[in-house]
Amino acid sequence: MLAQSPGDSRLRYMLANEFKNGGQLEQAVREFRAILAHDANYGPAYYHGGQTLEKLNRPEEARALYAAGIEATRRAGDAHTRGELEAALALLG
């Protein structure tokens, strides 16, 4: 399905989560970043991308992704995801 609709953020997000859940963390990060390259307002990709970066022990990259996500969700009016990103950033320190 993704081959037919490569710009479909929802499909790419599902694929990224499959990679994440299957332990293919580097591939998951690439997919989360691909989502954001096409749809900078896709809030969940910031959150789950950051979580994946944390699992890869890359806290600085996770912080940057969370911070970018906070700004994107603020612009998009997505208070729920913004709250999740703020909490994740606060926990990361």
PDB file of N, CA and C in Angstrom:
ATOM      1  N   MET A   1       0.816  -1.192   0.000  1.00  0.00           N
ATOM      2  CA  MET A   1       0.000   0.000   0.000  1.00  0.00           C
ATOM      3  C   MET A   1       0.861   1.258   0.000  1.00  0.00           C
ATOM      4  N   LEU A   2       1.957   1.226   0.753  1.00  0.00           N
ATOM      5  CA  LEU A   2       2.822   2.391   0.828  1.00  0.00           C
ATOM      6  C   LEU A   2       3.492   2.676  -0.512  1.00  0.00           C
ATOM      7  N   ALA A   3       3.793   1.646  -1.267  1.00  0.00           N
ATOM      8  CA  ALA A   3       4.392   1.840  -2.589  1.00  0.00           C
ATOM      9  C   ALA A   3       3.434   2.600  -3.513  1.00  0.00           C
ATOM     10  N   GLN A   4       2.140   2.394  -3.336  1.00  0.00           N
ATOM     11  CA  GLN A   4       1.144   3.081  -4.154  1.00  0.00           C
ATOM     12  C   GLN A   4       0.890   4.502  -3.656  1.00  0.00           C
ATOM     13  N   SER A   5       1.110   4.747  -2.368  1.00  0.00           N
ATOM     14  CA  SER A   5       0.864   6.070  -1.770  1.00  0.00           C
ATOM     15  C   SER A   5       2.035   6.450  -0.866  1.00  0.00           C
ATOM     16  N   PRO A   6       3.205   6.715  -1.431  1.00  0.00           N
ATOM     17  CA  PRO A   6       4.394   6.960  -0.608  1.00  0.00           C
ATOM     18  C   PRO A   6       4.294   8.204   0.284  1.00  0.00           C
ATOM     19  N   GLY A   7       3.414   9.116  -0.049  1.00  0.00           N
ATOM     20  CA  GLY A   7       3.265  10.313   0.765  1.00  0.00           C
ATOM     21  C   GLY A   7       2.208  10.200   1.843  1.00  0.00           C
ATOM     22  N   ASP A   8       1.623   9.028   2.013  1.00  0.00           N
ATOM     23  CA  ASP A   8       0.569   8.827   3.006  1.00  0.00           C
ATOM     24  C   ASP A   8       1.202   8.690   4.398  1.00  0.00           C
ATOM     25  N   SER A   9       1.110   9.754   5.171  1.00  0.00           N
ATOM     26  CA  SER A   9       1.749   9.787   6.492  1.00  0.00           C
ATOM     27  C   SER A   9       1.216   8.706   7.412  1.00  0.00           C
ATOM     28  N   ARG A  10      -0.074   8.422   7.324  1.00  0.00           N
ATOM     29  CA  ARG A  10      -0.667   7.422   8.207  1.00  0.00           C
ATOM     30  C   ARG A  10      -0.097   6.034   7.926  1.00  0.00           C
ATOM     31  N   LEU A  11       0.020   5.686   6.651  1.00  0.00           N
ATOM     32  CA  LEU A  11       0.589   4.379   6.299  1.00  0.00           C
ATOM     33  C   LEU A  11       2.052   4.286   6.714  1.00  0.00           C
ATOM     34  N   ARG A  12       2.793   5.346   6.458  1.00  0.00           N
ATOM     35  CA  ARG A  12       4.217   5.360   6.824  1.00  0.00           C
ATOM     36  C   ARG A  12       4.371   5.273   8.349  1.00  0.00           C
ATOM     37  N   TYR A  13       3.473   5.923   9.087  1.00  0.00           N
ATOM     38  CA  TYR A  13       3.489   5.871  10.548  1.00  0.00           C
ATOM     39  C   TYR A  13       3.252   4.440  11.031  1.00  0.00           C
ATOM     40  N   MET A  14       2.317   3.750  10.405  1.00  0.00           N
ATOM     41  CA  MET A  14       2.061   2.359  10.784  1.00  0.00           C
ATOM     42  C   MET A  14       3.294   1.497  10.510  1.00  0.00           C
ATOM     43  N   LEU A  15       3.956   1.731   9.381  1.00  0.00           N
ATOM     44  CA  LEU A  15       5.175   0.990   9.060  1.00  0.00           C
ATOM     45  C   LEU A  15       6.273   1.301  10.076  1.00  0.00           C
ATOM     46  N   ALA A  16       6.442   2.563  10.407  1.00  0.00           N
ATOM     47  CA  ALA A  16       7.467   2.949  11.382  1.00  0.00           C
ATOM     48  C   ALA A  16       7.235   2.248  12.716  1.00  0.00           C
ATOM     49  N   ASN A  17       5.987   2.182  13.142  1.00  0.00           N
ATOM     50  CA  ASN A  17       5.682   1.502  14.405  1.00  0.00           C
ATOM     51  C   ASN A  17       5.920   0.009  14.315  1.00  0.00           C
ATOM     52  N   GLU A  18       5.683  -0.583  13.159  1.00  0.00           N
ATOM     53  CA  GLU A  18       5.990  -2.004  12.990  1.00  0.00           C
ATOM     54  C   GLU A  18       7.494  -2.233  13.147  1.00  0.00           C
ATOM     55  N   PHE A  19       8.294  -1.377  12.521  1.00  0.00           N
ATOM     56  CA  PHE A  19       9.743  -1.485  12.686  1.00  0.00           C
ATOM     57  C   PHE A  19      10.128  -1.315  14.158  1.00  0.00           C
ATOM     58  N   LYS A  20       9.559  -0.316  14.800  1.00  0.00           N
ATOM     59  CA  LYS A  20       9.862  -0.049  16.210  1.00  0.00           C
ATOM     60  C   LYS A  20       9.506  -1.255  17.075  1.00  0.00           C
ATOM     61  N   ASN A  21       8.297  -1.768  16.899  1.00  0.00           N
ATOM     62  CA  ASN A  21       7.840  -2.898  17.708  1.00  0.00           C
ATOM     63  C   ASN A  21       8.618  -4.176  17.403  1.00  0.00           C
ATOM     64  N   GLY A  22       9.170  -4.264  16.191  1.00  0.00           N
ATOM     65  CA  GLY A  22       9.952  -5.434  15.808  1.00  0.00           C
ATOM     66  C   GLY A  22      11.432  -5.309  16.155  1.00  0.00           C
ATOM     67  N   GLY A  23      11.792  -4.215  16.826  1.00  0.00           N
ATOM     68  CA  GLY A  23      13.183  -4.037  17.240  1.00  0.00           C
ATOM     69  C   GLY A  23      14.096  -3.479  16.162  1.00  0.00           C
ATOM     70  N   GLN A  24      13.562  -3.099  15.034  1.00  0.00           N
ATOM     71  CA  GLN A  24      14.351  -2.508  13.951  1.00  0.00           C
ATOM     72  C   GLN A  24      14.335  -0.985  14.134  1.00  0.00           C
ATOM     73  N   LEU A  25      15.036  -0.548  15.163  1.00  0.00           N
ATOM     74  CA  LEU A  25      14.930   0.830  15.615  1.00  0.00           C
ATOM     75  C   LEU A  25      15.504   1.841  14.632  1.00  0.00           C
ATOM     76  N   GLU A  26      16.618   1.535  14.006  1.00  0.00           N
ATOM     77  CA  GLU A  26      17.194   2.469  13.039  1.00  0.00           C
ATOM     78  C   GLU A  26      16.239   2.683  11.869  1.00  0.00           C
ATOM     79  N   GLN A  27      15.652   1.606  11.386  1.00  0.00           N
ATOM     80  CA  GLN A  27      14.695   1.725  10.283  1.00  0.00           C
ATOM     81  C   GLN A  27      13.462   2.511  10.729  1.00  0.00           C
ATOM     82  N   ALA A  28      13.034   2.308  11.968  1.00  0.00           N
ATOM     83  CA  ALA A  28      11.892   3.057  12.495  1.00  0.00           C
ATOM     84  C   ALA A  28      12.196   4.552  12.509  1.00  0.00           C
ATOM     85  N   VAL A  29      13.382   4.922  12.970  1.00  0.00           N
ATOM     86  CA  VAL A  29      13.767   6.342  13.002  1.00  0.00           C
ATOM     87  C   VAL A  29      13.753   6.910  11.585  1.00  0.00           C
ATOM     88  N   ARG A  30      14.270   6.171  10.625  1.00  0.00           N
ATOM     89  CA  ARG A  30      14.259   6.656   9.233  1.00  0.00           C
ATOM     90  C   ARG A  30      12.837   6.904   8.747  1.00  0.00           C
ATOM     91  N   GLU A  31      11.926   6.017   9.114  1.00  0.00           N
ATOM     92  CA  GLU A  31      10.533   6.179   8.681  1.00  0.00           C
ATOM     93  C   GLU A  31       9.866   7.363   9.388  1.00  0.00           C
ATOM     94  N   PHE A  32      10.114   7.521  10.686  1.00  0.00           N
ATOM     95  CA  PHE A  32       9.538   8.677  11.396  1.00  0.00           C
ATOM     96  C   PHE A  32      10.055   9.974  10.783  1.00  0.00           C
ATOM     97  N   ARG A  33      11.337  10.014  10.443  1.00  0.00           N
ATOM     98  CA  ARG A  33      11.899  11.216   9.815  1.00  0.00           C
ATOM     99  C   ARG A  33      11.327  11.434   8.415  1.00  0.00           C
ATOM    100  N   ALA A  34      11.072  10.361   7.698  1.00  0.00           N
ATOM    101  CA  ALA A  34      10.471  10.480   6.365  1.00  0.00           C
ATOM    102  C   ALA A  34       9.066  11.077   6.461  1.00  0.00           C
ATOM    103  N   ILE A  35       8.327  10.678   7.470  1.00  0.00           N
ATOM    104  CA  ILE A  35       6.999  11.255   7.688  1.00  0.00           C
ATOM    105  C   ILE A  35       7.119  12.759   7.853  1.00  0.00           C
ATOM    106  N   LEU A  36       8.014  13.163   8.726  1.00  0.00           N
ATOM    107  CA  LEU A  36       8.150  14.580   9.051  1.00  0.00           C
ATOM    108  C   LEU A  36       8.694  15.401   7.885  1.00  0.00           C
ATOM    109  N   ALA A  37       9.444  14.769   7.010  1.00  0.00           N
ATOM    110  CA  ALA A  37       9.939  15.471   5.824  1.00  0.00           C
ATOM    111  C   ALA A  37       8.787  15.846   4.893  1.00  0.00           C
ATOM    112  N   HIS A  38       7.720  15.047   4.909  1.00  0.00           N
ATOM    113  CA  HIS A  38       6.564  15.303   4.043  1.00  0.00           C
ATOM    114  C   HIS A  38       5.413  15.968   4.774  1.00  0.00           C
ATOM    115  N   ASP A  39       5.348  15.784   6.085  1.00  0.00           N
ATOM    116  CA  ASP A  39       4.224  16.304   6.863  1.00  0.00           C
ATOM    117  C   ASP A  39       4.737  16.754   8.229  1.00  0.00           C
ATOM    118  N   ALA A  40       5.239  17.975   8.284  1.00  0.00           N
ATOM    119  CA  ALA A  40       5.871  18.500   9.507  1.00  0.00           C
ATOM    120  C   ALA A  40       4.892  18.661  10.659  1.00  0.00           C
ATOM    121  N   ASN A  41       3.600  18.521  10.414  1.00  0.00           N
ATOM    122  CA  ASN A  41       2.610  18.658  11.482  1.00  0.00           C
ATOM    123  C   ASN A  41       2.110  17.325  12.023  1.00  0.00           C
ATOM    124  N   TYR A  42       2.735  16.226  11.631  1.00  0.00           N
ATOM    125  CA  TYR A  42       2.281  14.907  12.083  1.00  0.00           C
ATOM    126  C   TYR A  42       2.862  14.631  13.475  1.00  0.00           C
ATOM    127  N   GLY A  43       2.183  15.149  14.486  1.00  0.00           N
ATOM    128  CA  GLY A  43       2.669  15.125  15.862  1.00  0.00           C
ATOM    129  C   GLY A  43       3.124  13.783  16.409  1.00  0.00           C
ATOM    130  N   PRO A  44       2.360  12.708  16.210  1.00  0.00           N
ATOM    131  CA  PRO A  44       2.784  11.428  16.778  1.00  0.00           C
ATOM    132  C   PRO A  44       4.154  10.953  16.283  1.00  0.00           C
ATOM    133  N   ALA A  45       4.550  11.361  15.081  1.00  0.00           N
ATOM    134  CA  ALA A  45       5.865  10.948  14.572  1.00  0.00           C
ATOM    135  C   ALA A  45       6.985  11.570  15.401  1.00  0.00           C
ATOM    136  N   TYR A  46       6.772  12.777  15.904  1.00  0.00           N
ATOM    137  CA  TYR A  46       7.773  13.397  16.778  1.00  0.00           C
ATOM    138  C   TYR A  46       7.889  12.612  18.085  1.00  0.00           C
ATOM    139  N   TYR A  47       6.744  12.284  18.657  1.00  0.00           N
ATOM    140  CA  TYR A  47       6.756  11.577  19.943  1.00  0.00           C
ATOM    141  C   TYR A  47       7.383  10.190  19.810  1.00  0.00           C
ATOM    142  N   HIS A  48       6.881   9.401  18.891  1.00  0.00           N
ATOM    143  CA  HIS A  48       7.385   8.029  18.769  1.00  0.00           C
ATOM    144  C   HIS A  48       8.789   7.984  18.179  1.00  0.00           C
ATOM    145  N   GLY A  49       9.103   8.949  17.335  1.00  0.00           N
ATOM    146  CA  GLY A  49      10.483   9.054  16.855  1.00  0.00           C
ATOM    147  C   GLY A  49      11.433   9.354  17.997  1.00  0.00           C
ATOM    148  N   GLY A  50      11.041  10.264  18.878  1.00  0.00           N
ATOM    149  CA  GLY A  50      11.860  10.572  20.053  1.00  0.00           C
ATOM    150  C   GLY A  50      12.005   9.384  20.982  1.00  0.00           C
ATOM    151  N   GLN A  51      10.912   8.672  21.199  1.00  0.00           N
ATOM    152  CA  GLN A  51      10.973   7.473  22.045  1.00  0.00           C
ATOM    153  C   GLN A  51      11.946   6.449  21.460  1.00  0.00           C
ATOM    154  N   THR A  52      11.920   6.301  20.161  1.00  0.00           N
ATOM    155  CA  THR A  52      12.810   5.355  19.497  1.00  0.00           C
ATOM    156  C   THR A  52      14.260   5.803  19.625  1.00  0.00           C
ATOM    157  N   LEU A  53      14.503   7.087  19.466  1.00  0.00           N
ATOM    158  CA  LEU A  53      15.862   7.608  19.643  1.00  0.00           C
ATOM    159  C   LEU A  53      16.348   7.390  21.075  1.00  0.00           C
ATOM    160  N   GLU A  54      15.466   7.533  22.037  1.00  0.00           N
ATOM    161  CA  GLU A  54      15.858   7.249  23.429  1.00  0.00           C
ATOM    162  C   GLU A  54      16.276   5.794  23.580  1.00  0.00           C
ATOM    163  N   LYS A  55      15.531   4.878  22.966  1.00  0.00           N
ATOM    164  CA  LYS A  55      15.887   3.454  23.038  1.00  0.00           C
ATOM    165  C   LYS A  55      17.244   3.186  22.400  1.00  0.00           C
ATOM    166  N   LEU A  56      17.606   4.018  21.423  1.00  0.00           N
ATOM    167  CA  LEU A  56      18.909   3.883  20.766  1.00  0.00           C
ATOM    168  C   LEU A  56      20.009   4.632  21.523  1.00  0.00           C
ATOM    169  N   ASN A  57      19.679   5.155  22.691  1.00  0.00           N
ATOM    170  CA  ASN A  57      20.624   5.913  23.525  1.00  0.00           C
ATOM    171  C   ASN A  57      21.164   7.134  22.783  1.00  0.00           C
ATOM    172  N   ARG A  58      20.247   7.875  22.155  1.00  0.00           N
ATOM    173  CA  ARG A  58      20.590   9.102  21.445  1.00  0.00           C
ATOM    174  C   ARG A  58      19.738  10.248  22.004  1.00  0.00           C
ATOM    175  N   PRO A  59      19.985  10.581  23.278  1.00  0.00           N
ATOM    176  CA  PRO A  59      19.120  11.548  23.967  1.00  0.00           C
ATOM    177  C   PRO A  59      19.129  12.949  23.359  1.00  0.00           C
ATOM    178  N   GLU A  60      20.241  13.400  22.817  1.00  0.00           N
ATOM    179  CA  GLU A  60      20.271  14.743  22.235  1.00  0.00           C
ATOM    180  C   GLU A  60      19.367  14.821  21.011  1.00  0.00           C
ATOM    181  N   GLU A  61      19.399  13.791  20.193  1.00  0.00           N
ATOM    182  CA  GLU A  61      18.518  13.765  19.024  1.00  0.00           C
ATOM    183  C   GLU A  61      17.058  13.682  19.453  1.00  0.00           C
ATOM    184  N   ALA A  62      16.791  12.910  20.504  1.00  0.00           N
ATOM    185  CA  ALA A  62      15.424  12.800  21.021  1.00  0.00           C
ATOM    186  C   ALA A  62      14.945  14.163  21.525  1.00  0.00           C
ATOM    187  N   ARG A  63      15.790  14.867  22.271  1.00  0.00           N
ATOM    188  CA  ARG A  63      15.429  16.201  22.767  1.00  0.00           C
ATOM    189  C   ARG A  63      15.078  17.140  21.616  1.00  0.00           C
ATOM    190  N   ALA A  64      15.910  17.128  20.597  1.00  0.00           N
ATOM    191  CA  ALA A  64      15.679  18.006  19.443  1.00  0.00           C
ATOM    192  C   ALA A  64      14.362  17.656  18.750  1.00  0.00           C
ATOM    193  N   LEU A  65      14.071  16.373  18.623  1.00  0.00           N
ATOM    194  CA  LEU A  65      12.834  15.963  17.970  1.00  0.00           C
ATOM    195  C   LEU A  65      11.628  16.343  18.820  1.00  0.00           C
ATOM    196  N   TYR A  66      11.713  16.129  20.130  1.00  0.00           N
ATOM    197  CA  TYR A  66      10.622  16.538  21.013  1.00  0.00           C
ATOM    198  C   TYR A  66      10.387  18.048  20.927  1.00  0.00           C
ATOM    199  N   ALA A  67      11.455  18.825  20.965  1.00  0.00           N
ATOM    200  CA  ALA A  67      11.324  20.288  20.909  1.00  0.00           C
ATOM    201  C   ALA A  67      10.691  20.727  19.588  1.00  0.00           C
ATOM    202  N   ALA A  68      11.124  20.136  18.486  1.00  0.00           N
ATOM    203  CA  ALA A  68      10.526  20.464  17.186  1.00  0.00           C
ATOM    204  C   ALA A  68       9.054  20.062  17.166  1.00  0.00           C
ATOM    205  N   GLY A  69       8.745  18.950  17.784  1.00  0.00           N
ATOM    206  CA  GLY A  69       7.357  18.488  17.842  1.00  0.00           C
ATOM    207  C   GLY A  69       6.478  19.396  18.674  1.00  0.00           C
ATOM    208  N   ILE A  70       7.023  19.922  19.744  1.00  0.00           N
ATOM    209  CA  ILE A  70       6.255  20.865  20.580  1.00  0.00           C
ATOM    210  C   ILE A  70       5.864  22.083  19.748  1.00  0.00           C
ATOM    211  N   GLU A  71       6.803  22.597  18.991  1.00  0.00           N
ATOM    212  CA  GLU A  71       6.506  23.757  18.135  1.00  0.00           C
ATOM    213  C   GLU A  71       5.487  23.400  17.054  1.00  0.00           C
ATOM    214  N   ALA A  72       5.656  22.247  16.433  1.00  0.00           N
ATOM    215  CA  ALA A  72       4.738  21.831  15.360  1.00  0.00           C
ATOM    216  C   ALA A  72       3.326  21.636  15.894  1.00  0.00           C
ATOM    217  N   THR A  73       3.206  20.997  17.042  1.00  0.00           N
ATOM    218  CA  THR A  73       1.872  20.753  17.595  1.00  0.00           C
ATOM    219  C   THR A  73       1.249  22.044  18.129  1.00  0.00           C
ATOM    220  N   ARG A  74       2.067  22.965  18.570  1.00  0.00           N
ATOM    221  CA  ARG A  74       1.550  24.274  18.972  1.00  0.00           C
ATOM    222  C   ARG A  74       0.932  24.974  17.754  1.00  0.00           C
ATOM    223  N   ARG A  75       1.656  24.969  16.644  1.00  0.00           N
ATOM    224  CA  ARG A  75       1.147  25.583  15.405  1.00  0.00           C
ATOM    225  C   ARG A  75      -0.122  24.895  14.914  1.00  0.00           C
ATOM    226  N   ALA A  76      -0.159  23.573  15.053  1.00  0.00           N
ATOM    227  CA  ALA A  76      -1.288  22.792  14.548  1.00  0.00           C
ATOM    228  C   ALA A  76      -2.475  22.767  15.511  1.00  0.00           C
ATOM    229  N   GLY A  77      -2.277  23.251  16.737  1.00  0.00           N
ATOM    230  CA  GLY A  77      -3.352  23.238  17.724  1.00  0.00           C
ATOM    231  C   GLY A  77      -3.625  21.867  18.314  1.00  0.00           C
ATOM    232  N   ASP A  78      -2.632  21.009  18.322  1.00  0.00           N
ATOM    233  CA  ASP A  78      -2.767  19.644  18.853  1.00  0.00           C
ATOM    234  C   ASP A  78      -2.263  19.624  20.296  1.00  0.00           C
ATOM    235  N   ALA A  79      -3.127  20.037  21.209  1.00  0.00           N
ATOM    236  CA  ALA A  79      -2.735  20.157  22.617  1.00  0.00           C
ATOM    237  C   ALA A  79      -2.411  18.805  23.253  1.00  0.00           C
ATOM    238  N   HIS A  80      -3.121  17.767  22.858  1.00  0.00           N
ATOM    239  CA  HIS A  80      -2.875  16.440  23.449  1.00  0.00           C
ATOM    240  C   HIS A  80      -1.463  15.951  23.154  1.00  0.00           C
ATOM    241  N   THR A  81      -1.094  15.940  21.884  1.00  0.00           N
ATOM    242  CA  THR A  81       0.238  15.459  21.523  1.00  0.00           C
ATOM    243  C   THR A  81       1.307  16.397  22.061  1.00  0.00           C
ATOM    244  N   ARG A  82       1.040  17.705  22.061  1.00  0.00           N
ATOM    245  CA  ARG A  82       2.000  18.652  22.625  1.00  0.00           C
ATOM    246  C   ARG A  82       2.269  18.314  24.091  1.00  0.00           C
ATOM    247  N   GLY A  83       1.231  17.989  24.849  1.00  0.00           N
ATOM    248  CA  GLY A  83       1.394  17.608  26.247  1.00  0.00           C
ATOM    249  C   GLY A  83       2.249  16.360  26.409  1.00  0.00           C
ATOM    250  N   GLU A  84       2.058  15.386  25.538  1.00  0.00           N
ATOM    251  CA  GLU A  84       2.874  14.171  25.587  1.00  0.00           C
ATOM    252  C   GLU A  84       4.344  14.495  25.296  1.00  0.00           C
ATOM    253  N   LEU A  85       4.558  15.351  24.304  1.00  0.00           N
ATOM    254  CA  LEU A  85       5.932  15.745  23.953  1.00  0.00           C
ATOM    255  C   LEU A  85       6.588  16.527  25.078  1.00  0.00           C
ATOM    256  N   GLU A  86       5.855  17.426  25.691  1.00  0.00           N
ATOM    257  CA  GLU A  86       6.411  18.199  26.809  1.00  0.00           C
ATOM    258  C   GLU A  86       6.777  17.300  27.973  1.00  0.00           C
ATOM    259  N   ALA A  87       5.921  16.322  28.259  1.00  0.00           N
ATOM    260  CA  ALA A  87       6.193  15.371  29.348  1.00  0.00           C
ATOM    261  C   ALA A  87       7.424  14.527  29.033  1.00  0.00           C
ATOM    262  N   ALA A  88       7.528  14.066  27.793  1.00  0.00           N
ATOM    263  CA  ALA A  88       8.675  13.252  27.393  1.00  0.00           C
ATOM    264  C   ALA A  88       9.976  14.062  27.498  1.00  0.00           C
ATOM    265  N   LEU A  89       9.914  15.309  27.073  1.00  0.00           N
ATOM    266  CA  LEU A  89      11.096  16.170  27.151  1.00  0.00           C
ATOM    267  C   LEU A  89      11.494  16.424  28.603  1.00  0.00           C
ATOM    268  N   ALA A  90      10.511  16.647  29.458  1.00  0.00           N
ATOM    269  CA  ALA A  90      10.792  16.879  30.872  1.00  0.00           C
ATOM    270  C   ALA A  90      11.417  15.639  31.518  1.00  0.00           C
ATOM    271  N   LEU A  91      10.934  14.455  31.170  1.00  0.00           N
ATOM    272  CA  LEU A  91      11.498  13.222  31.726  1.00  0.00           C
ATOM    273  C   LEU A  91      12.932  12.985  31.258  1.00  0.00           C
ATOM    274  N   LEU A  92      13.199  13.410  30.031  1.00  0.00           N
ATOM    275  CA  LEU A  92      14.527  13.215  29.478  1.00  0.00           C
ATOM    276  C   LEU A  92      15.541  14.152  30.148  1.00  0.00           C
ATOM    277  N   GLY A  93      15.039  15.255  30.635  1.00  0.00           N
ATOM    278  CA  GLY A  93      15.879  16.177  31.387  1.00  0.00           C
ATOM    279  C   GLY A  93      16.600  17.156  30.587  1.00  0.00           C
TER     280      GLY A  93
END
